[in-house]
């Protein structure tokens, strides 16, 4: 049976962003802490607080403007950022594909 564990880096950097918040840590000489959603957004080359609010369809109470802007929880923000793709990474992947094809 495999066991999940935190793999800490000691060079004041974080590993790859994942949907699991415990994996997104920064370790310094004195302490370790989780990355903030804003730091994760910056790693994904998004604007600060890009994932803070979202448009939600309110099908139960339709109006002329069927969407309502609501705050998004930190947990959901981490999940969105962990599931996202950084534009620069995708660009490099396609550059490599162009060379192969």
N, C-alpha and C. Protein backbone atom coordinates (compact mmCIF):
# COMPACT_ATOMS: atom_id res chain seq x y z
N UNK A 1 0.85 -1.19 0.00
CA UNK A 1 0.00 0.00 0.00
C UNK A 1 0.89 1.24 0.00
N UNK A 2 0.55 2.20 -0.87
CA UNK A 2 1.34 3.43 -0.91
C UNK A 2 0.85 4.39 0.16
N UNK A 3 1.74 5.27 0.56
CA UNK A 3 1.41 6.23 1.61
C UNK A 3 1.71 7.63 1.09
N UNK A 4 0.75 8.55 1.25
CA UNK A 4 0.98 9.94 0.85
C UNK A 4 1.82 10.62 1.90
N UNK A 5 2.77 11.44 1.43
CA UNK A 5 3.59 12.20 2.37
C UNK A 5 4.01 13.50 1.72
N UNK A 6 4.36 14.46 2.54
CA UNK A 6 4.81 15.75 2.05
C UNK A 6 6.29 15.63 1.69
N UNK A 7 6.63 16.07 0.50
CA UNK A 7 8.03 16.08 0.07
C UNK A 7 8.51 17.52 0.08
N UNK A 8 9.24 17.88 1.13
CA UNK A 8 9.70 19.26 1.31
C UNK A 8 10.99 19.50 0.56
N UNK A 9 11.11 20.67 -0.02
CA UNK A 9 12.36 21.11 -0.63
C UNK A 9 13.01 22.09 0.33
N UNK A 10 14.31 22.06 0.42
CA UNK A 10 15.01 22.94 1.35
C UNK A 10 15.64 24.15 0.70
N UNK A 11 15.28 24.46 -0.54
CA UNK A 11 15.93 25.57 -1.26
C UNK A 11 15.03 26.79 -1.42
N UNK A 12 14.07 26.95 -0.54
CA UNK A 12 13.14 28.09 -0.54
C UNK A 12 12.35 28.19 -1.85
N UNK A 13 12.09 27.05 -2.50
CA UNK A 13 11.27 26.99 -3.70
C UNK A 13 10.18 25.96 -3.47
N UNK A 14 9.16 26.02 -4.29
CA UNK A 14 8.09 25.04 -4.20
C UNK A 14 8.16 24.08 -5.38
N UNK A 15 7.55 22.94 -5.22
CA UNK A 15 7.45 22.00 -6.34
C UNK A 15 6.37 22.46 -7.30
N UNK A 16 5.95 21.59 -8.18
CA UNK A 16 4.89 21.91 -9.13
C UNK A 16 3.58 22.16 -8.40
N UNK A 17 2.76 23.06 -8.93
CA UNK A 17 1.45 23.30 -8.35
C UNK A 17 0.57 22.09 -8.61
N UNK A 18 -0.15 21.67 -7.58
CA UNK A 18 -1.09 20.57 -7.73
C UNK A 18 -2.41 20.98 -7.13
N UNK A 19 -3.42 20.13 -7.28
CA UNK A 19 -4.72 20.44 -6.69
C UNK A 19 -4.73 20.15 -5.20
N UNK A 20 -3.68 19.50 -4.69
CA UNK A 20 -3.60 19.17 -3.26
C UNK A 20 -2.80 20.27 -2.58
N UNK A 21 -3.44 21.00 -1.69
CA UNK A 21 -2.82 22.17 -1.08
C UNK A 21 -1.57 21.81 -0.28
N UNK A 22 -1.52 20.63 0.33
CA UNK A 22 -0.36 20.28 1.15
C UNK A 22 0.92 20.15 0.33
N UNK A 23 0.80 19.99 -0.98
CA UNK A 23 1.98 19.87 -1.84
C UNK A 23 2.60 21.22 -2.17
N UNK A 24 1.87 22.29 -2.00
CA UNK A 24 2.32 23.62 -2.40
C UNK A 24 2.90 24.35 -1.19
N UNK A 25 4.16 24.05 -0.89
CA UNK A 25 4.79 24.59 0.31
C UNK A 25 6.08 25.31 -0.03
N UNK A 26 6.43 26.29 0.80
CA UNK A 26 7.71 26.97 0.71
C UNK A 26 8.45 26.71 2.01
N UNK A 27 9.70 26.25 1.93
CA UNK A 27 10.48 25.92 3.12
C UNK A 27 11.67 26.85 3.21
N UNK A 28 11.85 27.48 4.37
CA UNK A 28 13.03 28.29 4.63
C UNK A 28 13.78 27.66 5.80
N UNK A 29 14.84 28.31 6.23
CA UNK A 29 15.65 27.76 7.32
C UNK A 29 14.85 27.60 8.61
N UNK A 30 13.90 28.49 8.86
CA UNK A 30 13.22 28.51 10.15
C UNK A 30 11.82 27.92 10.15
N UNK A 31 11.15 27.92 9.03
CA UNK A 31 9.76 27.46 9.02
C UNK A 31 9.35 27.07 7.61
N UNK A 32 8.16 26.48 7.50
CA UNK A 32 7.56 26.21 6.19
C UNK A 32 6.14 26.69 6.21
N UNK A 33 5.67 27.09 5.04
CA UNK A 33 4.31 27.63 4.93
C UNK A 33 3.72 27.24 3.59
N UNK A 34 2.42 27.29 3.52
CA UNK A 34 1.71 27.01 2.27
C UNK A 34 1.76 28.25 1.38
N UNK A 35 1.75 28.03 0.10
CA UNK A 35 1.65 29.14 -0.84
C UNK A 35 0.27 29.77 -0.73
N UNK A 36 0.20 31.06 -0.93
CA UNK A 36 -1.09 31.74 -0.94
C UNK A 36 -1.71 31.60 -2.33
N UNK A 37 -3.01 31.78 -2.45
CA UNK A 37 -3.61 31.76 -3.79
C UNK A 37 -2.98 32.79 -4.73
N UNK A 38 -2.61 33.95 -4.19
CA UNK A 38 -2.00 34.98 -5.03
C UNK A 38 -0.64 34.51 -5.57
N UNK A 39 0.14 33.82 -4.74
CA UNK A 39 1.43 33.29 -5.20
C UNK A 39 1.22 32.23 -6.28
N UNK A 40 0.21 31.40 -6.10
CA UNK A 40 -0.10 30.37 -7.11
C UNK A 40 -0.53 31.01 -8.42
N UNK A 41 -1.30 32.10 -8.34
CA UNK A 41 -1.71 32.81 -9.56
C UNK A 41 -0.49 33.37 -10.28
N UNK A 42 0.45 33.91 -9.52
CA UNK A 42 1.65 34.47 -10.14
C UNK A 42 2.49 33.37 -10.79
N UNK A 43 2.55 32.18 -10.17
CA UNK A 43 3.28 31.07 -10.77
C UNK A 43 2.62 30.61 -12.07
N UNK A 44 1.31 30.79 -12.17
CA UNK A 44 0.58 30.42 -13.39
C UNK A 44 0.52 31.59 -14.38
N UNK A 45 1.24 32.64 -14.11
CA UNK A 45 1.30 33.87 -14.93
C UNK A 45 -0.08 34.51 -15.10
N UNK A 46 -0.89 34.45 -14.06
CA UNK A 46 -2.19 35.13 -14.06
C UNK A 46 -2.08 36.43 -13.27
N UNK A 47 -3.03 37.30 -13.46
CA UNK A 47 -3.08 38.55 -12.70
C UNK A 47 -3.40 38.25 -11.24
N UNK A 48 -2.94 39.11 -10.34
CA UNK A 48 -3.25 38.96 -8.92
C UNK A 48 -4.77 38.93 -8.73
N UNK A 49 -5.23 38.01 -7.89
CA UNK A 49 -6.64 37.86 -7.54
C UNK A 49 -7.52 37.51 -8.74
N UNK A 50 -6.93 36.92 -9.77
CA UNK A 50 -7.68 36.52 -10.97
C UNK A 50 -8.77 35.50 -10.64
N UNK A 51 -8.51 34.63 -9.66
CA UNK A 51 -9.47 33.58 -9.31
C UNK A 51 -10.31 33.93 -8.09
N UNK A 52 -10.26 35.17 -7.64
CA UNK A 52 -10.96 35.54 -6.40
C UNK A 52 -12.49 35.52 -6.56
N UNK A 53 -12.98 35.90 -7.74
CA UNK A 53 -14.42 35.96 -7.97
C UNK A 53 -14.78 35.16 -9.22
N UNK A 54 -16.03 34.71 -9.28
CA UNK A 54 -16.49 33.97 -10.44
C UNK A 54 -17.91 34.34 -10.81
N UNK A 55 -18.26 34.11 -12.07
CA UNK A 55 -19.63 34.31 -12.54
C UNK A 55 -20.39 33.00 -12.38
N UNK A 56 -21.51 33.04 -11.71
CA UNK A 56 -22.31 31.85 -11.45
C UNK A 56 -23.69 32.02 -12.05
N UNK A 57 -24.16 31.00 -12.72
CA UNK A 57 -25.49 31.00 -13.31
C UNK A 57 -26.50 30.70 -12.20
N UNK A 58 -27.49 31.55 -12.05
CA UNK A 58 -28.52 31.33 -11.04
C UNK A 58 -29.79 30.87 -11.75
N UNK A 59 -29.86 29.58 -12.04
CA UNK A 59 -30.99 29.03 -12.79
C UNK A 59 -32.28 29.05 -11.97
N UNK A 60 -32.16 29.06 -10.64
CA UNK A 60 -33.36 29.04 -9.80
C UNK A 60 -34.06 30.40 -9.76
N UNK A 61 -33.29 31.47 -9.91
CA UNK A 61 -33.87 32.82 -9.90
C UNK A 61 -33.42 33.58 -11.14
N UNK A 62 -33.95 33.21 -12.31
CA UNK A 62 -33.48 33.87 -13.55
C UNK A 62 -33.86 35.34 -13.59
N UNK A 63 -32.95 36.13 -14.11
CA UNK A 63 -33.17 37.56 -14.31
C UNK A 63 -32.64 37.91 -15.70
N UNK A 64 -32.67 39.19 -16.03
CA UNK A 64 -32.10 39.62 -17.31
C UNK A 64 -30.62 39.28 -17.37
N UNK A 65 -29.95 39.44 -16.23
CA UNK A 65 -28.53 39.11 -16.13
C UNK A 65 -28.44 37.83 -15.30
N UNK A 66 -28.41 36.67 -15.95
CA UNK A 66 -28.49 35.38 -15.26
C UNK A 66 -27.22 35.01 -14.50
N UNK A 67 -26.25 35.88 -14.44
CA UNK A 67 -25.00 35.56 -13.77
C UNK A 67 -24.76 36.49 -12.60
N UNK A 68 -24.24 35.93 -11.54
CA UNK A 68 -23.95 36.70 -10.34
C UNK A 68 -22.48 36.50 -9.99
N UNK A 69 -21.80 37.59 -9.71
CA UNK A 69 -20.40 37.51 -9.32
C UNK A 69 -20.34 37.22 -7.84
N UNK A 70 -19.67 36.13 -7.49
CA UNK A 70 -19.55 35.71 -6.09
C UNK A 70 -18.10 35.38 -5.79
N UNK A 71 -17.69 35.51 -4.53
CA UNK A 71 -16.33 35.11 -4.17
C UNK A 71 -16.15 33.60 -4.27
N UNK A 72 -14.94 33.17 -4.57
CA UNK A 72 -14.60 31.76 -4.66
C UNK A 72 -13.74 31.40 -3.45
N UNK A 73 -14.02 30.26 -2.84
CA UNK A 73 -13.28 29.85 -1.65
C UNK A 73 -11.81 29.57 -1.99
N UNK A 74 -10.96 29.67 -0.98
CA UNK A 74 -9.53 29.40 -1.18
C UNK A 74 -9.31 27.98 -1.69
N UNK A 75 -10.06 27.03 -1.16
CA UNK A 75 -9.92 25.63 -1.58
C UNK A 75 -10.18 25.49 -3.07
N UNK A 76 -11.26 26.12 -3.55
CA UNK A 76 -11.59 26.04 -4.98
C UNK A 76 -10.55 26.78 -5.83
N UNK A 77 -10.02 27.88 -5.29
CA UNK A 77 -8.99 28.62 -6.03
C UNK A 77 -7.75 27.75 -6.20
N UNK A 78 -7.34 27.06 -5.13
CA UNK A 78 -6.18 26.16 -5.23
C UNK A 78 -6.44 25.06 -6.26
N UNK A 79 -7.64 24.52 -6.26
CA UNK A 79 -7.98 23.45 -7.22
C UNK A 79 -7.92 23.97 -8.65
N UNK A 80 -8.49 25.15 -8.89
CA UNK A 80 -8.47 25.72 -10.23
C UNK A 80 -7.05 25.97 -10.70
N UNK A 81 -6.23 26.53 -9.82
CA UNK A 81 -4.86 26.85 -10.19
C UNK A 81 -4.02 25.59 -10.39
N UNK A 82 -4.28 24.56 -9.59
CA UNK A 82 -3.55 23.31 -9.74
C UNK A 82 -3.94 22.57 -11.00
N UNK A 83 -5.17 22.74 -11.45
CA UNK A 83 -5.63 22.08 -12.68
C UNK A 83 -5.33 22.89 -13.93
N UNK A 84 -4.86 24.12 -13.74
CA UNK A 84 -4.62 25.01 -14.88
C UNK A 84 -3.32 24.72 -15.59
N UNK A 85 -3.18 25.30 -16.76
CA UNK A 85 -1.96 25.20 -17.54
C UNK A 85 -1.38 26.59 -17.70
N UNK A 86 -0.10 26.71 -17.47
CA UNK A 86 0.61 27.97 -17.66
C UNK A 86 0.83 28.17 -19.16
N UNK A 87 0.51 29.33 -19.67
CA UNK A 87 0.62 29.62 -21.10
C UNK A 87 2.04 29.39 -21.59
N UNK A 88 3.03 29.80 -20.80
CA UNK A 88 4.43 29.64 -21.22
C UNK A 88 4.80 28.17 -21.38
N UNK A 89 4.29 27.32 -20.51
CA UNK A 89 4.57 25.88 -20.60
C UNK A 89 3.93 25.30 -21.85
N UNK A 90 2.69 25.65 -22.12
CA UNK A 90 2.01 25.15 -23.31
C UNK A 90 2.75 25.60 -24.57
N UNK A 91 3.23 26.84 -24.57
CA UNK A 91 4.00 27.35 -25.71
C UNK A 91 5.23 26.49 -25.95
N UNK A 92 5.95 26.16 -24.88
CA UNK A 92 7.15 25.34 -25.02
C UNK A 92 6.81 23.93 -25.51
N UNK A 93 5.71 23.38 -25.05
CA UNK A 93 5.28 22.05 -25.51
C UNK A 93 5.03 22.08 -27.02
N UNK A 94 4.32 23.10 -27.50
CA UNK A 94 4.02 23.19 -28.93
C UNK A 94 5.28 23.44 -29.76
N UNK A 95 6.25 24.17 -29.20
CA UNK A 95 7.51 24.36 -29.91
C UNK A 95 8.20 23.01 -30.12
N UNK A 96 8.17 22.17 -29.10
CA UNK A 96 8.76 20.84 -29.20
C UNK A 96 8.02 19.97 -30.20
N UNK A 97 6.70 20.09 -30.25
CA UNK A 97 5.90 19.32 -31.22
C UNK A 97 6.20 19.75 -32.65
N UNK A 98 6.41 21.03 -32.84
CA UNK A 98 6.69 21.56 -34.18
C UNK A 98 7.99 20.95 -34.71
N UNK A 99 8.99 20.79 -33.84
CA UNK A 99 10.26 20.20 -34.24
C UNK A 99 10.11 18.73 -34.61
N UNK A 100 9.24 18.02 -33.90
CA UNK A 100 9.02 16.59 -34.14
C UNK A 100 8.27 16.38 -35.44
N UNK A 101 7.27 17.21 -35.68
CA UNK A 101 6.45 17.04 -36.87
C UNK A 101 7.14 17.66 -38.04
